[in-house]
Amino acid sequence: MSRALNINATKDEVIAACAKHKVPISAIETLLSGGTRVVMNNADDTARIAKAYGSKVITGKATRVPTRMSRQ
């Protein structure tokens, strides 16, 4: 299992859920297509958050925000 999840929830909601379940976050970003991408430190923590969010986990393709500007 990947350490990353795309979740149909706001960044603040994901941060709060991870804190509630005592799961540290490695990286987090808002998705351009809606929702939040969060990366945990290990697969066990990822599974715990995936179970907590259930059907709110985005299983299809999600569009991420580009991190670098293209060169012109």
N, C-alpha and C. Protein backbone atom coordinates (compact mmCIF):
# COMPACT_ATOMS: atom_id res chain seq x y z
N MET A 1 0.84 -1.19 0.00
CA MET A 1 0.00 0.00 0.00
C MET A 1 0.88 1.25 0.00
N SER A 2 0.46 2.23 -0.76
CA SER A 2 1.16 3.51 -0.82
C SER A 2 0.99 4.26 0.50
N ARG A 3 1.88 5.17 0.77
CA ARG A 3 1.75 6.00 1.97
C ARG A 3 0.87 7.22 1.72
N ALA A 4 0.47 7.44 0.46
CA ALA A 4 -0.31 8.62 0.09
C ALA A 4 -1.79 8.27 -0.09
N LEU A 5 -2.65 9.20 0.30
CA LEU A 5 -4.09 9.08 0.11
C LEU A 5 -4.62 10.39 -0.45
N ASN A 6 -5.60 10.29 -1.32
CA ASN A 6 -6.36 11.45 -1.76
C ASN A 6 -7.72 11.34 -1.08
N ILE A 7 -8.11 12.37 -0.36
CA ILE A 7 -9.32 12.33 0.46
C ILE A 7 -10.24 13.49 0.10
N ASN A 8 -11.52 13.20 -0.01
CA ASN A 8 -12.52 14.22 -0.30
C ASN A 8 -12.87 14.95 1.01
N ALA A 9 -11.95 15.79 1.44
CA ALA A 9 -12.09 16.58 2.67
C ALA A 9 -11.12 17.76 2.58
N THR A 10 -11.35 18.77 3.40
CA THR A 10 -10.45 19.92 3.39
C THR A 10 -9.14 19.57 4.09
N LYS A 11 -8.14 20.37 3.81
CA LYS A 11 -6.83 20.19 4.44
C LYS A 11 -6.95 20.23 5.96
N ASP A 12 -7.72 21.19 6.48
CA ASP A 12 -7.89 21.31 7.93
C ASP A 12 -8.58 20.08 8.53
N GLU A 13 -9.56 19.53 7.81
CA GLU A 13 -10.25 18.33 8.30
C GLU A 13 -9.31 17.13 8.34
N VAL A 14 -8.46 17.00 7.35
CA VAL A 14 -7.51 15.89 7.31
C VAL A 14 -6.47 16.04 8.42
N ILE A 15 -6.00 17.24 8.63
CA ILE A 15 -5.03 17.49 9.72
C ILE A 15 -5.66 17.13 11.06
N ALA A 16 -6.90 17.54 11.27
CA ALA A 16 -7.59 17.24 12.53
C ALA A 16 -7.80 15.73 12.71
N ALA A 17 -8.17 15.04 11.64
CA ALA A 17 -8.38 13.59 11.73
C ALA A 17 -7.08 12.86 12.04
N CYS A 18 -6.00 13.28 11.41
CA CYS A 18 -4.70 12.66 11.68
C CYS A 18 -4.27 12.91 13.13
N ALA A 19 -4.52 14.10 13.62
CA ALA A 19 -4.18 14.40 15.02
C ALA A 19 -5.02 13.54 15.97
N LYS A 20 -6.30 13.40 15.67
CA LYS A 20 -7.21 12.59 16.50
C LYS A 20 -6.74 11.14 16.57
N HIS A 21 -6.27 10.61 15.45
CA HIS A 21 -5.82 9.22 15.39
C HIS A 21 -4.32 9.07 15.69
N LYS A 22 -3.68 10.18 16.06
CA LYS A 22 -2.25 10.21 16.40
C LYS A 22 -1.38 9.67 15.25
N VAL A 23 -1.71 10.13 14.03
CA VAL A 23 -0.98 9.74 12.83
C VAL A 23 -0.19 10.94 12.33
N PRO A 24 1.15 10.85 12.33
CA PRO A 24 1.95 11.97 11.82
C PRO A 24 1.82 12.10 10.30
N ILE A 25 1.89 13.33 9.82
CA ILE A 25 1.78 13.62 8.40
C ILE A 25 3.17 13.94 7.86
N SER A 26 3.54 13.29 6.76
CA SER A 26 4.81 13.55 6.11
C SER A 26 4.69 14.74 5.15
N ALA A 27 3.58 14.79 4.38
CA ALA A 27 3.34 15.88 3.43
C ALA A 27 1.83 15.99 3.22
N ILE A 28 1.38 17.21 2.92
CA ILE A 28 -0.04 17.44 2.68
C ILE A 28 -0.20 18.58 1.68
N GLU A 29 -1.19 18.45 0.80
CA GLU A 29 -1.45 19.50 -0.18
C GLU A 29 -2.92 19.45 -0.60
N THR A 30 -3.43 20.60 -1.00
CA THR A 30 -4.78 20.69 -1.54
C THR A 30 -4.73 20.26 -3.00
N LEU A 31 -5.71 19.46 -3.41
CA LEU A 31 -5.78 19.00 -4.80
C LEU A 31 -6.52 20.00 -5.66
N LEU A 32 -6.05 20.20 -6.87
CA LEU A 32 -6.69 21.10 -7.82
C LEU A 32 -8.09 20.59 -8.18
N SER A 33 -8.26 19.28 -8.21
CA SER A 33 -9.54 18.67 -8.56
C SER A 33 -10.50 18.60 -7.37
N GLY A 34 -10.07 19.08 -6.22
CA GLY A 34 -10.90 19.06 -5.01
C GLY A 34 -10.43 17.98 -4.06
N GLY A 35 -10.40 18.31 -2.79
CA GLY A 35 -9.94 17.36 -1.79
C GLY A 35 -8.52 17.65 -1.35
N THR A 36 -7.94 16.67 -0.69
CA THR A 36 -6.60 16.82 -0.12
C THR A 36 -5.78 15.57 -0.35
N ARG A 37 -4.52 15.75 -0.69
CA ARG A 37 -3.56 14.64 -0.79
C ARG A 37 -2.72 14.68 0.48
N VAL A 38 -2.65 13.55 1.16
CA VAL A 38 -1.87 13.48 2.39
C VAL A 38 -0.97 12.25 2.32
N VAL A 39 0.26 12.42 2.79
CA VAL A 39 1.25 11.34 2.82
C VAL A 39 1.62 11.10 4.28
N MET A 40 1.46 9.85 4.71
CA MET A 40 1.82 9.47 6.06
C MET A 40 3.22 8.86 6.07
N ASN A 41 3.73 8.57 7.26
CA ASN A 41 5.09 8.04 7.39
C ASN A 41 5.20 6.55 7.10
N ASN A 42 4.09 5.80 7.23
CA ASN A 42 4.15 4.36 6.97
C ASN A 42 2.78 3.85 6.53
N ALA A 43 2.76 2.66 5.98
CA ALA A 43 1.54 2.07 5.42
C ALA A 43 0.50 1.78 6.49
N ASP A 44 0.91 1.43 7.71
CA ASP A 44 -0.05 1.16 8.78
C ASP A 44 -0.85 2.41 9.12
N ASP A 45 -0.17 3.55 9.21
CA ASP A 45 -0.87 4.80 9.48
C ASP A 45 -1.80 5.17 8.33
N THR A 46 -1.35 4.92 7.10
CA THR A 46 -2.18 5.20 5.93
C THR A 46 -3.45 4.36 5.98
N ALA A 47 -3.33 3.10 6.33
CA ALA A 47 -4.49 2.20 6.42
C ALA A 47 -5.45 2.69 7.50
N ARG A 48 -4.93 3.18 8.60
CA ARG A 48 -5.77 3.68 9.69
C ARG A 48 -6.61 4.88 9.24
N ILE A 49 -5.99 5.82 8.53
CA ILE A 49 -6.71 7.00 8.05
C ILE A 49 -7.67 6.61 6.92
N ALA A 50 -7.28 5.70 6.05
CA ALA A 50 -8.17 5.24 4.98
C ALA A 50 -9.43 4.61 5.58
N LYS A 51 -9.28 3.85 6.62
CA LYS A 51 -10.43 3.23 7.29
C LYS A 51 -11.31 4.29 7.93
N ALA A 52 -10.70 5.29 8.53
CA ALA A 52 -11.46 6.37 9.19
C ALA A 52 -12.28 7.16 8.18
N TYR A 53 -11.73 7.38 6.98
CA TYR A 53 -12.43 8.17 5.96
C TYR A 53 -13.35 7.33 5.08
N GLY A 54 -13.13 6.04 5.01
CA GLY A 54 -14.02 5.15 4.26
C GLY A 54 -14.27 5.60 2.83
N SER A 55 -15.53 5.90 2.50
CA SER A 55 -15.90 6.23 1.13
C SER A 55 -15.42 7.61 0.68
N LYS A 56 -14.85 8.40 1.59
CA LYS A 56 -14.32 9.71 1.22
C LYS A 56 -12.92 9.62 0.60
N VAL A 57 -12.33 8.43 0.62
CA VAL A 57 -11.03 8.25 -0.04
C VAL A 57 -11.28 8.26 -1.54
N ILE A 58 -10.54 9.11 -2.24
CA ILE A 58 -10.68 9.24 -3.69
C ILE A 58 -9.86 8.13 -4.34
N THR A 59 -10.56 7.27 -5.09
CA THR A 59 -9.87 6.14 -5.73
C THR A 59 -9.52 6.41 -7.18
N GLY A 60 -10.19 7.35 -7.81
CA GLY A 60 -9.91 7.68 -9.21
C GLY A 60 -8.77 8.67 -9.31
N LYS A 61 -8.59 9.17 -10.51
CA LYS A 61 -7.53 10.14 -10.77
C LYS A 61 -7.84 11.48 -10.11
N ALA A 62 -6.86 12.05 -9.49
CA ALA A 62 -6.98 13.37 -8.86
C ALA A 62 -5.93 14.29 -9.45
N THR A 63 -6.31 15.52 -9.73
CA THR A 63 -5.38 16.48 -10.33
C THR A 63 -4.67 17.26 -9.23
N ARG A 64 -3.34 17.18 -9.24
CA ARG A 64 -2.54 17.89 -8.24
C ARG A 64 -2.18 19.27 -8.76
N VAL A 65 -1.87 20.16 -7.84
CA VAL A 65 -1.43 21.51 -8.19
C VAL A 65 0.03 21.42 -8.63
N PRO A 66 0.36 22.00 -9.79
CA PRO A 66 1.77 21.98 -10.22
C PRO A 66 2.65 22.66 -9.17
N THR A 67 3.79 22.07 -8.90
CA THR A 67 4.68 22.64 -7.88
C THR A 67 5.72 23.58 -8.44
N ARG A 68 5.92 23.53 -9.75
CA ARG A 68 6.92 24.40 -10.38
C ARG A 68 6.32 25.12 -11.57
N MET A 69 6.77 26.31 -11.76
CA MET A 69 6.34 27.08 -12.93
C MET A 69 7.09 26.57 -14.14
N SER A 70 6.43 26.50 -15.28
CA SER A 70 7.12 26.05 -16.50
C SER A 70 8.03 27.16 -17.01
N ARG A 71 9.09 26.77 -17.65
CA ARG A 71 10.05 27.74 -18.21
C ARG A 71 9.54 28.22 -19.55
N GLN A 72 9.67 29.46 -19.83
CA GLN A 72 9.19 30.03 -21.08
C GLN A 72 10.34 30.36 -21.98
